[in-house]
N, C-alpha and C. Protein backbone atom coordinates (compact mmCIF):
# COMPACT_ATOMS: atom_id res chain seq x y z
N GLY A 1 -31.24 -9.57 -25.31
CA GLY A 1 -30.85 -8.20 -25.17
C GLY A 1 -31.28 -7.65 -23.83
N GLU A 2 -31.14 -6.37 -23.67
CA GLU A 2 -31.44 -5.71 -22.42
C GLU A 2 -32.92 -5.80 -22.06
N ALA A 3 -33.79 -5.63 -23.05
CA ALA A 3 -35.22 -5.72 -22.80
C ALA A 3 -35.60 -7.11 -22.30
N GLU A 4 -34.98 -8.12 -22.88
CA GLU A 4 -35.27 -9.49 -22.45
C GLU A 4 -34.77 -9.72 -21.02
N ASP A 5 -33.61 -9.16 -20.68
CA ASP A 5 -33.10 -9.31 -19.33
C ASP A 5 -34.05 -8.69 -18.32
N GLU A 6 -34.58 -7.53 -18.64
CA GLU A 6 -35.52 -6.89 -17.73
C GLU A 6 -36.79 -7.72 -17.59
N ARG A 7 -37.25 -8.31 -18.70
CA ARG A 7 -38.47 -9.09 -18.68
C ARG A 7 -38.26 -10.39 -17.89
N VAL A 8 -37.13 -11.06 -18.11
CA VAL A 8 -36.85 -12.33 -17.46
C VAL A 8 -36.46 -12.11 -16.00
N GLY A 9 -35.78 -11.00 -15.74
CA GLY A 9 -35.45 -10.69 -14.36
C GLY A 9 -34.02 -10.97 -13.99
N GLY A 10 -33.12 -10.98 -14.94
CA GLY A 10 -31.73 -11.21 -14.57
C GLY A 10 -30.85 -11.34 -15.79
N TRP A 11 -29.64 -11.81 -15.56
CA TRP A 11 -28.65 -11.91 -16.63
C TRP A 11 -28.50 -13.33 -17.15
N GLY A 12 -29.10 -14.30 -16.51
CA GLY A 12 -28.93 -15.66 -16.99
C GLY A 12 -30.01 -16.56 -16.44
N PRO A 13 -29.96 -17.82 -16.82
CA PRO A 13 -31.02 -18.74 -16.41
C PRO A 13 -31.05 -19.00 -14.91
N SER A 14 -29.90 -18.81 -14.20
CA SER A 14 -29.89 -19.10 -12.77
C SER A 14 -30.27 -17.89 -11.94
N SER A 15 -30.54 -16.76 -12.57
CA SER A 15 -30.91 -15.56 -11.84
C SER A 15 -32.29 -15.72 -11.23
N PRO A 16 -32.50 -15.11 -10.06
CA PRO A 16 -33.83 -15.20 -9.45
C PRO A 16 -34.85 -14.44 -10.28
N GLY A 17 -36.08 -14.74 -10.05
CA GLY A 17 -37.16 -14.10 -10.79
C GLY A 17 -37.23 -12.61 -10.49
N PRO A 18 -38.17 -11.91 -11.18
CA PRO A 18 -38.28 -10.46 -10.96
C PRO A 18 -38.67 -10.15 -9.53
N LYS A 19 -38.11 -9.05 -8.99
CA LYS A 19 -38.43 -8.62 -7.63
C LYS A 19 -39.68 -7.76 -7.66
N SER A 20 -40.06 -7.35 -6.48
CA SER A 20 -41.23 -6.50 -6.41
C SER A 20 -40.93 -5.15 -7.05
N LYS A 21 -41.99 -4.40 -7.32
CA LYS A 21 -41.82 -3.11 -7.98
C LYS A 21 -41.00 -2.16 -7.11
N ASP A 22 -41.17 -2.23 -5.78
CA ASP A 22 -40.43 -1.36 -4.88
C ASP A 22 -38.93 -1.65 -4.95
N ALA A 23 -38.56 -2.92 -4.96
CA ALA A 23 -37.15 -3.28 -5.00
C ALA A 23 -36.54 -2.89 -6.33
N ALA A 24 -37.30 -3.05 -7.41
CA ALA A 24 -36.78 -2.68 -8.72
C ALA A 24 -36.60 -1.17 -8.82
N ALA A 25 -37.51 -0.40 -8.22
CA ALA A 25 -37.41 1.06 -8.27
C ALA A 25 -36.23 1.55 -7.47
N LYS A 26 -35.90 0.87 -6.35
CA LYS A 26 -34.78 1.29 -5.52
C LYS A 26 -33.45 0.78 -6.06
N GLY A 27 -33.48 -0.05 -7.07
CA GLY A 27 -32.23 -0.61 -7.57
C GLY A 27 -31.77 -1.76 -6.70
N GLY A 28 -32.65 -2.73 -6.49
CA GLY A 28 -32.39 -3.84 -5.60
C GLY A 28 -31.15 -4.63 -5.93
N ARG A 29 -30.90 -4.84 -7.20
CA ARG A 29 -29.70 -5.58 -7.59
C ARG A 29 -28.64 -4.61 -8.04
N LYS A 30 -27.42 -5.06 -7.99
CA LYS A 30 -26.29 -4.22 -8.34
C LYS A 30 -26.37 -3.79 -9.79
N GLY A 31 -26.30 -2.49 -10.04
CA GLY A 31 -26.27 -1.98 -11.40
C GLY A 31 -27.62 -1.76 -12.03
N GLU A 32 -28.72 -2.11 -11.33
CA GLU A 32 -30.03 -1.94 -11.95
C GLU A 32 -30.43 -0.48 -12.08
N GLY A 33 -29.96 0.37 -11.20
CA GLY A 33 -30.37 1.76 -11.20
C GLY A 33 -29.78 2.57 -12.33
N ARG A 34 -28.81 2.02 -13.02
CA ARG A 34 -28.15 2.76 -14.10
C ARG A 34 -28.60 2.28 -15.46
N SER A 35 -28.68 3.18 -16.39
CA SER A 35 -29.04 2.83 -17.75
C SER A 35 -27.77 2.47 -18.51
N ARG A 36 -27.85 1.41 -19.29
CA ARG A 36 -26.67 0.97 -20.03
C ARG A 36 -26.73 1.42 -21.48
N ARG A 37 -27.80 2.02 -21.89
CA ARG A 37 -27.93 2.40 -23.30
C ARG A 37 -26.96 3.49 -23.65
N GLY A 38 -26.25 3.31 -24.73
CA GLY A 38 -25.33 4.31 -25.23
C GLY A 38 -24.01 4.34 -24.47
N SER A 39 -23.91 3.59 -23.38
CA SER A 39 -22.69 3.65 -22.59
C SER A 39 -21.54 2.97 -23.29
N SER A 40 -21.82 1.96 -24.11
CA SER A 40 -20.72 1.27 -24.78
C SER A 40 -20.01 2.20 -25.75
N ALA A 41 -20.74 3.05 -26.44
CA ALA A 41 -20.09 3.99 -27.36
C ALA A 41 -19.28 5.02 -26.58
N VAL A 42 -19.83 5.49 -25.47
CA VAL A 42 -19.12 6.46 -24.66
C VAL A 42 -17.90 5.81 -24.01
N ASP A 43 -18.08 4.58 -23.49
CA ASP A 43 -16.96 3.88 -22.88
C ASP A 43 -15.86 3.61 -23.88
N ALA A 44 -16.22 3.18 -25.07
CA ALA A 44 -15.22 2.89 -26.09
C ALA A 44 -14.48 4.16 -26.49
N GLU A 45 -15.22 5.28 -26.54
CA GLU A 45 -14.59 6.53 -26.91
C GLU A 45 -13.61 7.00 -25.83
N SER A 46 -14.00 6.84 -24.55
CA SER A 46 -13.12 7.27 -23.46
C SER A 46 -11.91 6.35 -23.32
N ARG A 47 -12.08 5.07 -23.67
CA ARG A 47 -10.95 4.15 -23.59
C ARG A 47 -9.99 4.33 -24.75
N GLY A 48 -10.47 4.79 -25.87
CA GLY A 48 -9.60 4.91 -27.03
C GLY A 48 -9.43 3.57 -27.70
N ALA A 49 -8.53 3.50 -28.65
CA ALA A 49 -8.31 2.27 -29.41
C ALA A 49 -7.60 1.21 -28.59
N ALA A 50 -6.87 1.62 -27.55
CA ALA A 50 -6.10 0.67 -26.76
C ALA A 50 -7.00 -0.26 -25.96
N GLY A 51 -8.19 0.19 -25.60
CA GLY A 51 -9.13 -0.69 -24.92
C GLY A 51 -8.98 -0.68 -23.42
N GLY A 52 -8.95 0.48 -22.79
CA GLY A 52 -9.00 0.51 -21.34
C GLY A 52 -7.68 0.76 -20.66
N SER A 53 -6.68 1.27 -21.31
CA SER A 53 -5.41 1.48 -20.65
C SER A 53 -5.37 2.77 -19.85
N LYS A 54 -6.31 3.68 -20.08
CA LYS A 54 -6.32 4.94 -19.34
C LYS A 54 -7.05 4.75 -18.02
N ARG A 55 -6.71 5.59 -17.03
CA ARG A 55 -7.40 5.54 -15.75
C ARG A 55 -8.74 6.24 -15.85
N ALA A 56 -9.60 5.95 -14.89
CA ALA A 56 -10.92 6.57 -14.87
C ALA A 56 -10.79 8.07 -14.65
N ALA A 57 -11.78 8.81 -15.15
CA ALA A 57 -11.75 10.27 -15.05
C ALA A 57 -11.91 10.73 -13.61
N SER A 58 -12.45 9.89 -12.74
CA SER A 58 -12.67 10.30 -11.36
C SER A 58 -11.39 10.26 -10.53
N THR A 59 -10.30 9.70 -11.05
CA THR A 59 -9.04 9.65 -10.32
C THR A 59 -8.48 11.06 -10.21
N PRO A 60 -8.12 11.53 -9.01
CA PRO A 60 -7.60 12.89 -8.88
C PRO A 60 -6.22 13.02 -9.52
N ALA A 61 -5.97 14.19 -10.10
CA ALA A 61 -4.70 14.44 -10.74
C ALA A 61 -3.68 15.02 -9.77
N SER A 62 -4.12 15.36 -8.56
CA SER A 62 -3.20 15.95 -7.59
C SER A 62 -2.27 14.88 -7.03
N PRO A 63 -1.14 15.30 -6.44
CA PRO A 63 -0.22 14.31 -5.87
C PRO A 63 -0.87 13.51 -4.76
N ARG A 64 -0.35 12.33 -4.54
CA ARG A 64 -0.93 11.45 -3.53
C ARG A 64 -0.70 12.01 -2.13
N ARG A 65 -1.66 11.75 -1.26
CA ARG A 65 -1.54 12.18 0.13
C ARG A 65 -0.80 11.13 0.93
N LYS A 66 -0.24 11.56 2.04
CA LYS A 66 0.43 10.61 2.92
C LYS A 66 -0.60 9.68 3.52
N ARG A 67 -0.21 8.46 3.74
CA ARG A 67 -1.12 7.50 4.37
C ARG A 67 -1.22 7.79 5.85
N THR A 68 -2.42 7.62 6.37
CA THR A 68 -2.61 7.86 7.79
C THR A 68 -2.41 6.57 8.58
N GLY A 69 -2.60 5.44 7.95
CA GLY A 69 -2.43 4.17 8.64
C GLY A 69 -1.01 3.64 8.45
N GLY A 70 -0.79 2.42 8.85
CA GLY A 70 0.50 1.80 8.64
C GLY A 70 1.40 1.92 9.85
N ALA A 71 2.70 1.76 9.61
CA ALA A 71 3.66 1.77 10.70
C ALA A 71 3.79 3.16 11.31
N PRO A 72 3.93 3.22 12.62
CA PRO A 72 4.09 4.53 13.26
C PRO A 72 5.48 5.10 12.96
N THR A 73 5.63 6.38 13.18
CA THR A 73 6.91 7.03 12.98
C THR A 73 7.92 6.46 13.96
N PRO A 74 9.11 6.07 13.47
CA PRO A 74 10.08 5.47 14.40
C PRO A 74 10.56 6.48 15.43
N LYS A 75 10.75 6.02 16.65
CA LYS A 75 11.23 6.87 17.74
C LYS A 75 12.74 6.71 17.85
N LYS A 76 13.42 7.81 18.14
CA LYS A 76 14.87 7.76 18.32
C LYS A 76 15.17 7.21 19.71
N PHE A 77 16.21 6.40 19.78
CA PHE A 77 16.62 5.86 21.07
C PHE A 77 17.39 6.92 21.84
N SER A 78 17.36 6.81 23.16
CA SER A 78 18.09 7.76 24.00
C SER A 78 19.60 7.55 23.81
N ASP A 79 20.38 8.52 24.27
CA ASP A 79 21.84 8.45 24.12
C ASP A 79 22.41 7.25 24.86
N SER A 80 21.87 6.96 26.04
CA SER A 80 22.39 5.82 26.81
C SER A 80 22.09 4.50 26.12
N VAL A 81 20.91 4.39 25.52
CA VAL A 81 20.54 3.16 24.80
C VAL A 81 21.43 3.01 23.57
N ARG A 82 21.62 4.10 22.84
CA ARG A 82 22.49 4.03 21.66
C ARG A 82 23.93 3.68 22.04
N ALA A 83 24.41 4.22 23.15
CA ALA A 83 25.77 3.92 23.60
C ALA A 83 25.92 2.43 23.91
N ALA A 84 24.91 1.86 24.56
CA ALA A 84 24.95 0.43 24.88
C ALA A 84 24.91 -0.41 23.60
N LEU A 85 24.07 -0.01 22.66
CA LEU A 85 23.99 -0.75 21.40
C LEU A 85 25.31 -0.64 20.63
N GLU A 86 25.89 0.55 20.57
CA GLU A 86 27.16 0.74 19.86
C GLU A 86 28.28 -0.06 20.51
N ALA A 87 28.33 -0.07 21.84
CA ALA A 87 29.37 -0.83 22.54
C ALA A 87 29.24 -2.32 22.23
N SER A 88 28.01 -2.81 22.23
CA SER A 88 27.79 -4.21 21.91
C SER A 88 28.15 -4.49 20.45
N PHE A 89 27.85 -3.53 19.56
CA PHE A 89 28.15 -3.70 18.14
C PHE A 89 29.65 -3.77 17.91
N GLU A 90 30.42 -2.96 18.67
CA GLU A 90 31.88 -2.96 18.51
C GLU A 90 32.48 -4.32 18.89
N SER A 91 31.90 -4.97 19.89
CA SER A 91 32.44 -6.26 20.31
C SER A 91 31.94 -7.40 19.44
N ASN A 92 30.72 -7.28 18.89
CA ASN A 92 30.15 -8.37 18.09
C ASN A 92 29.12 -7.80 17.13
N ARG A 93 29.42 -7.86 15.84
CA ARG A 93 28.50 -7.31 14.84
C ARG A 93 27.31 -8.24 14.59
N PHE A 94 27.45 -9.52 14.92
CA PHE A 94 26.38 -10.50 14.70
C PHE A 94 26.07 -11.22 16.01
N PRO A 95 25.30 -10.60 16.88
CA PRO A 95 25.01 -11.22 18.18
C PRO A 95 24.07 -12.42 18.03
N SER A 96 24.22 -13.37 18.94
CA SER A 96 23.32 -14.53 18.95
C SER A 96 21.96 -14.10 19.50
N HIS A 97 21.01 -15.02 19.41
CA HIS A 97 19.67 -14.72 19.92
C HIS A 97 19.72 -14.44 21.42
N ASP A 98 20.53 -15.20 22.14
CA ASP A 98 20.64 -14.99 23.58
C ASP A 98 21.26 -13.63 23.89
N ASP A 99 22.27 -13.22 23.10
CA ASP A 99 22.88 -11.91 23.30
C ASP A 99 21.87 -10.79 23.04
N VAL A 100 21.08 -10.96 21.99
CA VAL A 100 20.06 -9.96 21.65
C VAL A 100 19.04 -9.86 22.78
N ALA A 101 18.62 -11.01 23.30
CA ALA A 101 17.61 -11.02 24.36
C ALA A 101 18.16 -10.37 25.63
N SER A 102 19.40 -10.69 26.01
CA SER A 102 19.94 -10.11 27.24
C SER A 102 20.20 -8.62 27.08
N LEU A 103 20.69 -8.19 25.91
CA LEU A 103 20.93 -6.77 25.67
C LEU A 103 19.61 -6.00 25.68
N GLY A 104 18.61 -6.54 25.01
CA GLY A 104 17.30 -5.88 24.99
C GLY A 104 16.69 -5.77 26.38
N GLY A 105 16.83 -6.82 27.19
CA GLY A 105 16.31 -6.78 28.55
C GLY A 105 17.03 -5.76 29.42
N SER A 106 18.34 -5.61 29.21
CA SER A 106 19.10 -4.68 30.06
C SER A 106 18.86 -3.22 29.70
N ILE A 107 18.53 -2.93 28.44
CA ILE A 107 18.34 -1.52 28.04
C ILE A 107 16.88 -1.16 27.79
N GLY A 108 15.97 -2.12 27.98
CA GLY A 108 14.54 -1.82 27.88
C GLY A 108 13.99 -1.82 26.47
N LEU A 109 14.58 -2.60 25.57
CA LEU A 109 14.07 -2.73 24.21
C LEU A 109 13.63 -4.17 23.98
N THR A 110 12.78 -4.37 22.99
CA THR A 110 12.37 -5.73 22.63
C THR A 110 13.47 -6.39 21.81
N ASP A 111 13.41 -7.71 21.74
CA ASP A 111 14.39 -8.44 20.92
C ASP A 111 14.34 -7.96 19.47
N HIS A 112 13.13 -7.71 19.00
CA HIS A 112 12.96 -7.28 17.61
C HIS A 112 13.62 -5.92 17.38
N GLN A 113 13.45 -4.99 18.31
CA GLN A 113 14.06 -3.68 18.15
C GLN A 113 15.58 -3.78 18.09
N VAL A 114 16.16 -4.62 18.95
CA VAL A 114 17.61 -4.79 18.97
C VAL A 114 18.08 -5.44 17.67
N LYS A 115 17.36 -6.46 17.25
CA LYS A 115 17.74 -7.17 16.01
C LYS A 115 17.72 -6.22 14.81
N VAL A 116 16.67 -5.42 14.70
CA VAL A 116 16.55 -4.49 13.58
C VAL A 116 17.63 -3.41 13.67
N TRP A 117 17.94 -2.95 14.88
CA TRP A 117 18.99 -1.94 15.03
C TRP A 117 20.31 -2.49 14.50
N PHE A 118 20.65 -3.74 14.86
CA PHE A 118 21.89 -4.35 14.37
C PHE A 118 21.86 -4.50 12.85
N GLN A 119 20.74 -4.90 12.30
CA GLN A 119 20.65 -5.03 10.84
C GLN A 119 20.87 -3.69 10.17
N ASN A 120 20.24 -2.64 10.69
CA ASN A 120 20.40 -1.32 10.09
C ASN A 120 21.82 -0.79 10.28
N ARG A 121 22.42 -1.10 11.41
CA ARG A 121 23.78 -0.62 11.68
C ARG A 121 24.80 -1.29 10.77
N ARG A 122 24.56 -2.55 10.42
CA ARG A 122 25.48 -3.25 9.50
C ARG A 122 25.32 -2.80 8.05
N ARG A 123 24.18 -2.24 7.73
CA ARG A 123 23.92 -1.81 6.36
C ARG A 123 24.79 -0.60 6.01
N PRO A 124 25.39 -0.59 4.81
CA PRO A 124 26.20 0.57 4.42
C PRO A 124 25.34 1.82 4.32
N LYS A 125 25.92 2.93 4.72
CA LYS A 125 25.17 4.19 4.69
C LYS A 125 25.23 4.81 3.32
N LYS A 126 24.12 5.41 2.92
CA LYS A 126 24.08 6.12 1.65
C LYS A 126 24.66 7.51 1.86
N PRO A 127 25.35 8.05 0.86
CA PRO A 127 25.85 9.41 1.01
C PRO A 127 24.70 10.40 1.05
N ARG A 128 24.87 11.45 1.81
CA ARG A 128 23.83 12.47 1.91
C ARG A 128 23.83 13.33 0.67
N ALA A 129 22.74 14.07 0.46
CA ALA A 129 22.58 14.88 -0.75
C ALA A 129 23.69 15.93 -0.87
N ALA A 130 24.10 16.56 0.23
CA ALA A 130 25.15 17.57 0.18
C ALA A 130 26.48 16.94 -0.24
N GLU A 131 26.76 15.75 0.25
CA GLU A 131 28.00 15.07 -0.13
C GLU A 131 27.97 14.67 -1.59
N ARG A 132 26.81 14.25 -2.09
CA ARG A 132 26.71 13.84 -3.49
C ARG A 132 26.87 15.04 -4.41
N ASN A 133 26.30 16.18 -4.04
CA ASN A 133 26.39 17.36 -4.91
C ASN A 133 27.79 17.94 -4.94
N GLY A 134 28.57 17.78 -3.87
CA GLY A 134 29.90 18.36 -3.80
C GLY A 134 30.92 17.63 -4.65
N THR A 135 30.80 16.31 -4.74
CA THR A 135 31.77 15.54 -5.50
C THR A 135 31.07 14.71 -6.55
N PRO A 136 31.58 14.72 -7.76
CA PRO A 136 30.94 13.91 -8.80
C PRO A 136 31.17 12.42 -8.55
N ALA A 137 30.25 11.61 -9.01
CA ALA A 137 30.37 10.17 -8.85
C ALA A 137 31.46 9.63 -9.74
N LYS A 138 32.23 8.70 -9.18
CA LYS A 138 33.32 8.10 -9.98
C LYS A 138 32.77 6.96 -10.81
N SER A 139 33.21 6.89 -12.04
CA SER A 139 32.76 5.79 -12.91
C SER A 139 33.88 4.78 -13.03
N PRO A 140 33.60 3.50 -13.11
CA PRO A 140 34.64 2.46 -13.17
C PRO A 140 35.43 2.46 -14.46
C-alpha cells in the first residue's frame, strides 16, 4: 500500500532507496508532493461511469485562440508577377521542372512558390458565400 511505498522509498523493487529528508520535503520525485488519499473516489466521481471520457476541469471553455506559430500569412503577388504566371498558365497548365525554374528565376519567385501557384490555379474554385446564398444548390 501507500504506507509501504513511503517506507520502502518507491513504487517497485527497482526504485532507488529513500532520499534525504530535504529532498522528500521538496517533492524530489514526481508526484511525491501530492497526497493520493481519497483521490480515487473523487477521480471516479468526476469521470463518471464511462471512466475518463470527459476532459479535465482545467480546460478552458472559451473558444480556441489563433496560433501564433506556424506558417506565416501568405503574401499576395504583384500584378506583374501574376500576369506572368497567368500568361504561362494559358500556354501550359502543367509546366516541367525546367519551365518552373526558368519562370521563377525571371519573376523573382522560388520554384516552390511557382509550383504551388500552378497547383492552386488548377484547383477548381469554390463558390463564394454570396453566390451560394443567392441560388439554391442543385440536386442530382
